[in-house]
PDB file of all heavy atoms in Angstrom:
ATOM      1  N   ILE A   1     -39.951 -11.708  -0.314  1.00  0.00           N
ATOM      2  CA  ILE A   1     -38.869 -12.375   0.419  1.00  0.00           C
ATOM      3  C   ILE A   1     -38.375 -11.487   1.549  1.00  0.00           C
ATOM      4  O   ILE A   1     -38.203 -11.928   2.689  1.00  0.00           O
ATOM      5  CB  ILE A   1     -37.701 -12.708  -0.541  1.00  0.00           C
ATOM      6  CG1 ILE A   1     -38.119 -13.807  -1.513  1.00  0.00           C
ATOM      7  CG2 ILE A   1     -36.461 -13.139   0.255  1.00  0.00           C
ATOM      8  CD1 ILE A   1     -37.101 -14.087  -2.599  1.00  0.00           C
ATOM      9  N   GLU A   2     -38.180 -10.206   1.276  1.00  0.00           N
ATOM     10  CA  GLU A   2     -37.703  -9.285   2.305  1.00  0.00           C
ATOM     11  C   GLU A   2     -38.742  -9.111   3.413  1.00  0.00           C
ATOM     12  O   GLU A   2     -38.399  -8.980   4.589  1.00  0.00           O
ATOM     13  CB  GLU A   2     -37.358  -7.929   1.680  1.00  0.00           C
ATOM     14  CG  GLU A   2     -36.675  -6.974   2.642  1.00  0.00           C
ATOM     15  CD  GLU A   2     -35.465  -7.582   3.324  1.00  0.00           C
ATOM     16  OE1 GLU A   2     -34.694  -8.312   2.662  1.00  0.00           O
ATOM     17  OE2 GLU A   2     -35.280  -7.335   4.534  1.00  0.00           O
ATOM     18  N   GLN A   3     -40.015  -9.125   3.042  1.00  0.00           N
ATOM     19  CA  GLN A   3     -41.083  -9.017   4.038  1.00  0.00           C
ATOM     20  C   GLN A   3     -41.037 -10.203   5.006  1.00  0.00           C
ATOM     21  O   GLN A   3     -41.214 -10.040   6.219  1.00  0.00           O
ATOM     22  CB  GLN A   3     -42.436  -8.965   3.328  1.00  0.00           C
ATOM     23  CG  GLN A   3     -43.630  -8.897   4.268  1.00  0.00           C
ATOM     24  CD  GLN A   3     -44.948  -8.962   3.510  1.00  0.00           C
ATOM     25  OE1 GLN A   3     -45.043  -8.555   2.346  1.00  0.00           O
ATOM     26  NE2 GLN A   3     -45.974  -9.481   4.155  1.00  0.00           N
ATOM     27  N   LEU A   4     -40.796 -11.398   4.469  1.00  0.00           N
ATOM     28  CA  LEU A   4     -40.722 -12.585   5.316  1.00  0.00           C
ATOM     29  C   LEU A   4     -39.509 -12.554   6.239  1.00  0.00           C
ATOM     30  O   LEU A   4     -39.586 -12.947   7.409  1.00  0.00           O
ATOM     31  CB  LEU A   4     -40.662 -13.846   4.444  1.00  0.00           C
ATOM     32  CG  LEU A   4     -41.887 -14.186   3.590  1.00  0.00           C
ATOM     33  CD1 LEU A   4     -41.604 -15.435   2.774  1.00  0.00           C
ATOM     34  CD2 LEU A   4     -43.126 -14.384   4.457  1.00  0.00           C
ATOM     35  N   LEU A   5     -38.391 -12.083   5.707  1.00  0.00           N
ATOM     36  CA  LEU A   5     -37.127 -12.149   6.450  1.00  0.00           C
ATOM     37  C   LEU A   5     -36.880 -10.952   7.362  1.00  0.00           C
ATOM     38  O   LEU A   5     -36.030 -11.021   8.260  1.00  0.00           O
ATOM     39  CB  LEU A   5     -35.964 -12.275   5.468  1.00  0.00           C
ATOM     40  CG  LEU A   5     -35.950 -13.546   4.610  1.00  0.00           C
ATOM     41  CD1 LEU A   5     -34.761 -13.523   3.654  1.00  0.00           C
ATOM     42  CD2 LEU A   5     -35.901 -14.799   5.484  1.00  0.00           C
ATOM     43  N   GLU A   6     -37.605  -9.875   7.159  1.00  0.00           N
ATOM     44  CA  GLU A   6     -37.358  -8.647   7.925  1.00  0.00           C
ATOM     45  C   GLU A   6     -37.354  -8.846   9.442  1.00  0.00           C
ATOM     46  O   GLU A   6     -36.488  -8.294  10.133  1.00  0.00           O
ATOM     47  CB  GLU A   6     -38.397  -7.579   7.542  1.00  0.00           C
ATOM     48  CG  GLU A   6     -38.141  -6.236   8.211  1.00  0.00           C
ATOM     49  CD  GLU A   6     -39.208  -5.214   7.856  1.00  0.00           C
ATOM     50  OE1 GLU A   6     -40.161  -5.560   7.126  1.00  0.00           O
ATOM     51  OE2 GLU A   6     -39.088  -4.072   8.326  1.00  0.00           O
ATOM     52  N   PRO A   7     -38.285  -9.629  10.032  1.00  0.00           N
ATOM     53  CA  PRO A   7     -38.259  -9.789  11.492  1.00  0.00           C
ATOM     54  C   PRO A   7     -36.967 -10.396  12.030  1.00  0.00           C
ATOM     55  O   PRO A   7     -36.647 -10.230  13.211  1.00  0.00           O
ATOM     56  CB  PRO A   7     -39.448 -10.726  11.756  1.00  0.00           C
ATOM     57  CG  PRO A   7     -40.350 -10.536  10.593  1.00  0.00           C
ATOM     58  CD  PRO A   7     -39.445 -10.298   9.427  1.00  0.00           C
ATOM     59  N   TYR A   8     -36.202 -11.075  11.177  1.00  0.00           N
ATOM     60  CA  TYR A   8     -35.016 -11.808  11.637  1.00  0.00           C
ATOM     61  C   TYR A   8     -33.707 -11.113  11.268  1.00  0.00           C
ATOM     62  O   TYR A   8     -32.633 -11.597  11.617  1.00  0.00           O
ATOM     63  CB  TYR A   8     -35.042 -13.222  11.046  1.00  0.00           C
ATOM     64  CG  TYR A   8     -36.324 -13.946  11.383  1.00  0.00           C
ATOM     65  CD1 TYR A   8     -37.380 -13.995  10.479  1.00  0.00           C
ATOM     66  CD2 TYR A   8     -36.501 -14.538  12.635  1.00  0.00           C
ATOM     67  CE1 TYR A   8     -38.577 -14.616  10.808  1.00  0.00           C
ATOM     68  CE2 TYR A   8     -37.693 -15.168  12.963  1.00  0.00           C
ATOM     69  CZ  TYR A   8     -38.729 -15.200  12.049  1.00  0.00           C
ATOM     70  OH  TYR A   8     -39.909 -15.814  12.382  1.00  0.00           O
ATOM     71  N   ARG A   9     -33.796  -9.954  10.607  1.00  0.00           N
ATOM     72  CA  ARG A   9     -32.592  -9.282  10.131  1.00  0.00           C
ATOM     73  C   ARG A   9     -31.707  -8.783  11.272  1.00  0.00           C
ATOM     74  O   ARG A   9     -30.496  -8.699  11.123  1.00  0.00           O
ATOM     75  CB  ARG A   9     -32.968  -8.104   9.227  1.00  0.00           C
ATOM     76  CG  ARG A   9     -33.548  -8.501   7.866  1.00  0.00           C
ATOM     77  CD  ARG A   9     -32.531  -9.246   7.029  1.00  0.00           C
ATOM     78  NE  ARG A   9     -32.980  -9.416   5.631  1.00  0.00           N
ATOM     79  CZ  ARG A   9     -32.386 -10.209   4.762  1.00  0.00           C
ATOM     80  NH1 ARG A   9     -31.313 -10.912   5.129  1.00  0.00           N
ATOM     81  NH2 ARG A   9     -32.839 -10.325   3.534  1.00  0.00           N
ATOM     82  N   LYS A  10     -32.299  -8.433  12.409  1.00  0.00           N
ATOM     83  CA  LYS A  10     -31.514  -7.903  13.522  1.00  0.00           C
ATOM     84  C   LYS A  10     -30.967  -9.002  14.439  1.00  0.00           C
ATOM     85  O   LYS A  10     -30.265  -8.711  15.408  1.00  0.00           O
ATOM     86  CB  LYS A  10     -32.342  -6.913  14.335  1.00  0.00           C
ATOM     87  CG  LYS A  10     -32.594  -5.587  13.628  1.00  0.00           C
ATOM     88  CD  LYS A  10     -33.310  -4.607  14.537  1.00  0.00           C
ATOM     89  CE  LYS A  10     -33.331  -3.219  13.916  1.00  0.00           C
ATOM     90  NZ  LYS A  10     -34.148  -3.156  12.690  1.00  0.00           N
ATOM     91  N   LEU A  11     -31.295 -10.252  14.150  1.00  0.00           N
ATOM     92  CA  LEU A  11     -30.783 -11.353  14.949  1.00  0.00           C
ATOM     93  C   LEU A  11     -29.353 -11.671  14.535  1.00  0.00           C
ATOM     94  O   LEU A  11     -28.952 -11.461  13.393  1.00  0.00           O
ATOM     95  CB  LEU A  11     -31.644 -12.605  14.770  1.00  0.00           C
ATOM     96  CG  LEU A  11     -33.133 -12.491  15.090  1.00  0.00           C
ATOM     97  CD1 LEU A  11     -33.779 -13.864  15.003  1.00  0.00           C
ATOM     98  CD2 LEU A  11     -33.370 -11.889  16.454  1.00  0.00           C
ATOM     99  N   ASN A  12     -28.607 -12.219  15.463  1.00  0.00           N
ATOM    100  CA  ASN A  12     -27.223 -12.594  15.174  1.00  0.00           C
ATOM    101  C   ASN A  12     -27.180 -14.002  14.572  1.00  0.00           C
ATOM    102  O   ASN A  12     -26.550 -14.919  15.108  1.00  0.00           O
ATOM    103  CB  ASN A  12     -26.384 -12.534  16.451  1.00  0.00           C
ATOM    104  CG  ASN A  12     -24.910 -12.750  16.167  1.00  0.00           C
ATOM    105  OD1 ASN A  12     -24.419 -12.436  15.080  1.00  0.00           O
ATOM    106  ND2 ASN A  12     -24.194 -13.310  17.136  1.00  0.00           N
ATOM    107  N   ILE A  13     -27.894 -14.153  13.458  1.00  0.00           N
ATOM    108  CA  ILE A  13     -27.907 -15.446  12.774  1.00  0.00           C
ATOM    109  C   ILE A  13     -27.735 -15.207  11.270  1.00  0.00           C
ATOM    110  O   ILE A  13     -28.028 -14.121  10.761  1.00  0.00           O
ATOM    111  CB  ILE A  13     -29.213 -16.236  13.008  1.00  0.00           C
ATOM    112  CG1 ILE A  13     -30.413 -15.497  12.398  1.00  0.00           C
ATOM    113  CG2 ILE A  13     -29.432 -16.497  14.485  1.00  0.00           C
ATOM    114  CD1 ILE A  13     -31.695 -16.311  12.406  1.00  0.00           C
ATOM    115  N   GLU A  14     -27.269 -16.224  10.597  1.00  0.00           N
ATOM    116  CA  GLU A  14     -27.145 -16.130   9.142  1.00  0.00           C
ATOM    117  C   GLU A  14     -28.485 -16.461   8.494  1.00  0.00           C
ATOM    118  O   GLU A  14     -29.216 -17.350   8.956  1.00  0.00           O
ATOM    119  CB  GLU A  14     -26.069 -17.093   8.645  1.00  0.00           C
ATOM    120  CG  GLU A  14     -24.698 -16.744   9.172  1.00  0.00           C
ATOM    121  CD  GLU A  14     -23.609 -17.098   8.172  1.00  0.00           C
ATOM    122  OE1 GLU A  14     -23.797 -16.874   6.967  1.00  0.00           O
ATOM    123  OE2 GLU A  14     -22.580 -17.603   8.634  1.00  0.00           O
ATOM    124  N   ILE A  15     -28.796 -15.742   7.427  1.00  0.00           N
ATOM    125  CA  ILE A  15     -30.017 -15.969   6.667  1.00  0.00           C
ATOM    126  C   ILE A  15     -29.610 -16.227   5.222  1.00  0.00           C
ATOM    127  O   ILE A  15     -28.928 -15.408   4.597  1.00  0.00           O
ATOM    128  CB  ILE A  15     -30.964 -14.764   6.750  1.00  0.00           C
ATOM    129  CG1 ILE A  15     -31.350 -14.489   8.210  1.00  0.00           C
ATOM    130  CG2 ILE A  15     -32.196 -14.997   5.885  1.00  0.00           C
ATOM    131  CD1 ILE A  15     -32.190 -13.236   8.398  1.00  0.00           C
ATOM    132  N   ILE A  16     -30.035 -17.374   4.689  1.00  0.00           N
ATOM    133  CA  ILE A  16     -29.611 -17.771   3.347  1.00  0.00           C
ATOM    134  C   ILE A  16     -30.834 -18.104   2.486  1.00  0.00           C
ATOM    135  O   ILE A  16     -31.518 -19.100   2.736  1.00  0.00           O
ATOM    136  CB  ILE A  16     -28.673 -18.992   3.404  1.00  0.00           C
ATOM    137  CG1 ILE A  16     -27.429 -18.661   4.234  1.00  0.00           C
ATOM    138  CG2 ILE A  16     -28.282 -19.447   2.006  1.00  0.00           C
ATOM    139  CD1 ILE A  16     -26.483 -19.832   4.421  1.00  0.00           C
ATOM    140  N   PRO A  17     -31.154 -17.279   1.485  1.00  0.00           N
ATOM    141  CA  PRO A  17     -32.208 -17.634   0.526  1.00  0.00           C
ATOM    142  C   PRO A  17     -31.705 -18.761  -0.378  1.00  0.00           C
ATOM    143  O   PRO A  17     -30.525 -18.825  -0.716  1.00  0.00           O
ATOM    144  CB  PRO A  17     -32.431 -16.343  -0.264  1.00  0.00           C
ATOM    145  CG  PRO A  17     -31.749 -15.269   0.535  1.00  0.00           C
ATOM    146  CD  PRO A  17     -30.623 -15.937   1.253  1.00  0.00           C
ATOM    147  N   PHE A  18     -32.631 -19.639  -0.780  1.00  0.00           N
ATOM    148  CA  PHE A  18     -32.210 -20.792  -1.575  1.00  0.00           C
ATOM    149  C   PHE A  18     -33.309 -21.198  -2.550  1.00  0.00           C
ATOM    150  O   PHE A  18     -34.499 -21.164  -2.229  1.00  0.00           O
ATOM    151  CB  PHE A  18     -31.900 -21.969  -0.645  1.00  0.00           C
ATOM    152  CG  PHE A  18     -31.579 -23.252  -1.376  1.00  0.00           C
ATOM    153  CD1 PHE A  18     -30.305 -23.485  -1.868  1.00  0.00           C
ATOM    154  CD2 PHE A  18     -32.556 -24.220  -1.584  1.00  0.00           C
ATOM    155  CE1 PHE A  18     -30.014 -24.657  -2.554  1.00  0.00           C
ATOM    156  CE2 PHE A  18     -32.279 -25.389  -2.266  1.00  0.00           C
ATOM    157  CZ  PHE A  18     -31.000 -25.608  -2.744  1.00  0.00           C
ATOM    158  N   SER A  19     -32.896 -21.596  -3.739  1.00  0.00           N
ATOM    159  CA  SER A  19     -33.813 -22.152  -4.732  1.00  0.00           C
ATOM    160  C   SER A  19     -33.106 -23.289  -5.449  1.00  0.00           C
ATOM    161  O   SER A  19     -31.917 -23.169  -5.788  1.00  0.00           O
ATOM    162  CB  SER A  19     -34.239 -21.086  -5.745  1.00  0.00           C
ATOM    163  OG  SER A  19     -34.903 -21.686  -6.849  1.00  0.00           O
ATOM    164  N   ILE A  20     -33.819 -24.381  -5.683  1.00  0.00           N
ATOM    165  CA  ILE A  20     -33.196 -25.501  -6.397  1.00  0.00           C
ATOM    166  C   ILE A  20     -32.940 -25.133  -7.855  1.00  0.00           C
ATOM    167  O   ILE A  20     -32.243 -25.852  -8.573  1.00  0.00           O
ATOM    168  CB  ILE A  20     -34.064 -26.780  -6.333  1.00  0.00           C
ATOM    169  CG1 ILE A  20     -35.463 -26.532  -6.911  1.00  0.00           C
ATOM    170  CG2 ILE A  20     -34.144 -27.306  -4.922  1.00  0.00           C
ATOM    171  CD1 ILE A  20     -36.279 -27.794  -7.049  1.00  0.00           C
ATOM    172  N   LYS A  21     -33.487 -23.991  -8.296  1.00  0.00           N
ATOM    173  CA  LYS A  21     -33.246 -23.543  -9.663  1.00  0.00           C
ATOM    174  C   LYS A  21     -31.970 -22.717  -9.786  1.00  0.00           C
ATOM    175  O   LYS A  21     -31.593 -22.325 -10.892  1.00  0.00           O
ATOM    176  CB  LYS A  21     -34.448 -22.736 -10.166  1.00  0.00           C
ATOM    177  CG  LYS A  21     -35.714 -23.591 -10.326  1.00  0.00           C
ATOM    178  CD  LYS A  21     -36.827 -22.812 -10.988  1.00  0.00           C
ATOM    179  CE  LYS A  21     -38.061 -23.696 -11.194  1.00  0.00           C
ATOM    180  NZ  LYS A  21     -39.160 -22.959 -11.861  1.00  0.00           N
ATOM    181  N   ASP A  22     -31.331 -22.431  -8.625  1.00  0.00           N
ATOM    182  CA  ASP A  22     -30.054 -21.714  -8.692  1.00  0.00           C
ATOM    183  C   ASP A  22     -29.038 -22.553  -9.472  1.00  0.00           C
ATOM    184  O   ASP A  22     -28.922 -23.760  -9.258  1.00  0.00           O
ATOM    185  CB  ASP A  22     -29.518 -21.450  -7.276  1.00  0.00           C
ATOM    186  CG  ASP A  22     -30.382 -20.464  -6.502  1.00  0.00           C
ATOM    187  OD1 ASP A  22     -31.136 -19.720  -7.149  1.00  0.00           O
ATOM    188  OD2 ASP A  22     -30.300 -20.458  -5.261  1.00  0.00           O
ATOM    189  N   GLU A  23     -28.302 -21.908 -10.335  1.00  0.00           N
ATOM    190  CA  GLU A  23     -27.353 -22.640 -11.182  1.00  0.00           C
ATOM    191  C   GLU A  23     -26.163 -23.163 -10.394  1.00  0.00           C
ATOM    192  O   GLU A  23     -25.590 -24.200 -10.726  1.00  0.00           O
ATOM    193  CB  GLU A  23     -26.881 -21.731 -12.329  1.00  0.00           C
ATOM    194  CG  GLU A  23     -27.984 -21.399 -13.325  1.00  0.00           C
ATOM    195  CD  GLU A  23     -27.454 -20.597 -14.501  1.00  0.00           C
ATOM    196  OE1 GLU A  23     -26.233 -20.379 -14.571  1.00  0.00           O
ATOM    197  OE2 GLU A  23     -28.270 -20.191 -15.347  1.00  0.00           O
ATOM    198  N   THR A  24     -25.776 -22.440  -9.350  1.00  0.00           N
ATOM    199  CA  THR A  24     -24.629 -22.877  -8.536  1.00  0.00           C
ATOM    200  C   THR A  24     -25.045 -22.985  -7.078  1.00  0.00           C
ATOM    201  O   THR A  24     -25.953 -22.284  -6.625  1.00  0.00           O
ATOM    202  CB  THR A  24     -23.456 -21.882  -8.664  1.00  0.00           C
ATOM    203  OG1 THR A  24     -23.891 -20.587  -8.245  1.00  0.00           O
ATOM    204  CG2 THR A  24     -22.957 -21.822 -10.089  1.00  0.00           C
ATOM    205  N   ALA A  25     -24.381 -23.862  -6.346  1.00  0.00           N
ATOM    206  CA  ALA A  25     -24.661 -24.025  -4.928  1.00  0.00           C
ATOM    207  C   ALA A  25     -24.174 -22.798  -4.161  1.00  0.00           C
ATOM    208  O   ALA A  25     -23.157 -22.187  -4.509  1.00  0.00           O
ATOM    209  CB  ALA A  25     -23.970 -25.284  -4.403  1.00  0.00           C
ATOM    210  N   ASN A  26     -24.921 -22.430  -3.117  1.00  0.00           N
ATOM    211  CA  ASN A  26     -24.559 -21.272  -2.314  1.00  0.00           C
ATOM    212  C   ASN A  26     -23.221 -21.520  -1.610  1.00  0.00           C
ATOM    213  O   ASN A  26     -23.099 -22.447  -0.818  1.00  0.00           O
ATOM    214  CB  ASN A  26     -25.659 -21.008  -1.274  1.00  0.00           C
ATOM    215  CG  ASN A  26     -25.419 -19.736  -0.503  1.00  0.00           C
ATOM    216  OD1 ASN A  26     -24.497 -19.651   0.304  1.00  0.00           O
ATOM    217  ND2 ASN A  26     -26.259 -18.743  -0.726  1.00  0.00           N
ATOM    218  N   PRO A  27     -22.201 -20.715  -1.899  1.00  0.00           N
ATOM    219  CA  PRO A  27     -20.870 -20.980  -1.322  1.00  0.00           C
ATOM    220  C   PRO A  27     -20.837 -20.858   0.193  1.00  0.00           C
ATOM    221  O   PRO A  27     -20.110 -21.590   0.865  1.00  0.00           O
ATOM    222  CB  PRO A  27     -19.983 -19.926  -1.989  1.00  0.00           C
ATOM    223  CG  PRO A  27     -20.917 -18.863  -2.465  1.00  0.00           C
ATOM    224  CD  PRO A  27     -22.198 -19.554  -2.798  1.00  0.00           C
ATOM    225  N   ARG A  28     -21.614 -19.921   0.762  1.00  0.00           N
ATOM    226  CA  ARG A  28     -21.618 -19.770   2.212  1.00  0.00           C
ATOM    227  C   ARG A  28     -22.257 -20.982   2.879  1.00  0.00           C
ATOM    228  O   ARG A  28     -21.796 -21.442   3.931  1.00  0.00           O
ATOM    229  CB  ARG A  28     -22.371 -18.493   2.611  1.00  0.00           C
ATOM    230  CG  ARG A  28     -22.465 -18.276   4.114  1.00  0.00           C
ATOM    231  CD  ARG A  28     -21.118 -18.303   4.795  1.00  0.00           C
ATOM    232  NE  ARG A  28     -21.233 -18.283   6.243  1.00  0.00           N
ATOM    233  CZ  ARG A  28     -20.353 -18.808   7.079  1.00  0.00           C
ATOM    234  NH1 ARG A  28     -19.270 -19.408   6.608  1.00  0.00           N
ATOM    235  NH2 ARG A  28     -20.535 -18.733   8.370  1.00  0.00           N
ATOM    236  N   LEU A  29     -23.288 -21.540   2.282  1.00  0.00           N
ATOM    237  CA  LEU A  29     -23.927 -22.724   2.836  1.00  0.00           C
ATOM    238  C   LEU A  29     -22.974 -23.912   2.811  1.00  0.00           C
ATOM    239  O   LEU A  29     -22.884 -24.681   3.782  1.00  0.00           O
ATOM    240  CB  LEU A  29     -25.207 -23.037   2.060  1.00  0.00           C
ATOM    241  CG  LEU A  29     -26.100 -24.155   2.596  1.00  0.00           C
ATOM    242  CD1 LEU A  29     -26.419 -23.946   4.064  1.00  0.00           C
ATOM    243  CD2 LEU A  29     -27.378 -24.247   1.793  1.00  0.00           C
ATOM    244  N   LEU A  30     -22.244 -24.055   1.732  1.00  0.00           N
ATOM    245  CA  LEU A  30     -21.247 -25.125   1.641  1.00  0.00           C
ATOM    246  C   LEU A  30     -20.156 -24.936   2.696  1.00  0.00           C
ATOM    247  O   LEU A  30     -19.663 -25.899   3.291  1.00  0.00           O
ATOM    248  CB  LEU A  30     -20.632 -25.148   0.252  1.00  0.00           C
ATOM    249  CG  LEU A  30     -21.536 -25.626  -0.891  1.00  0.00           C
ATOM    250  CD1 LEU A  30     -20.859 -25.411  -2.238  1.00  0.00           C
ATOM    251  CD2 LEU A  30     -21.907 -27.091  -0.709  1.00  0.00           C
TER     252      LEU A  30
END
């Protein structure tokens, strides 16, 4: 996951990992 996201870490954008198996919805996404 970090390998995939590393090129975008220095951008001024939010990055949110997500899985439908997460027990709770991501609060920042909401």
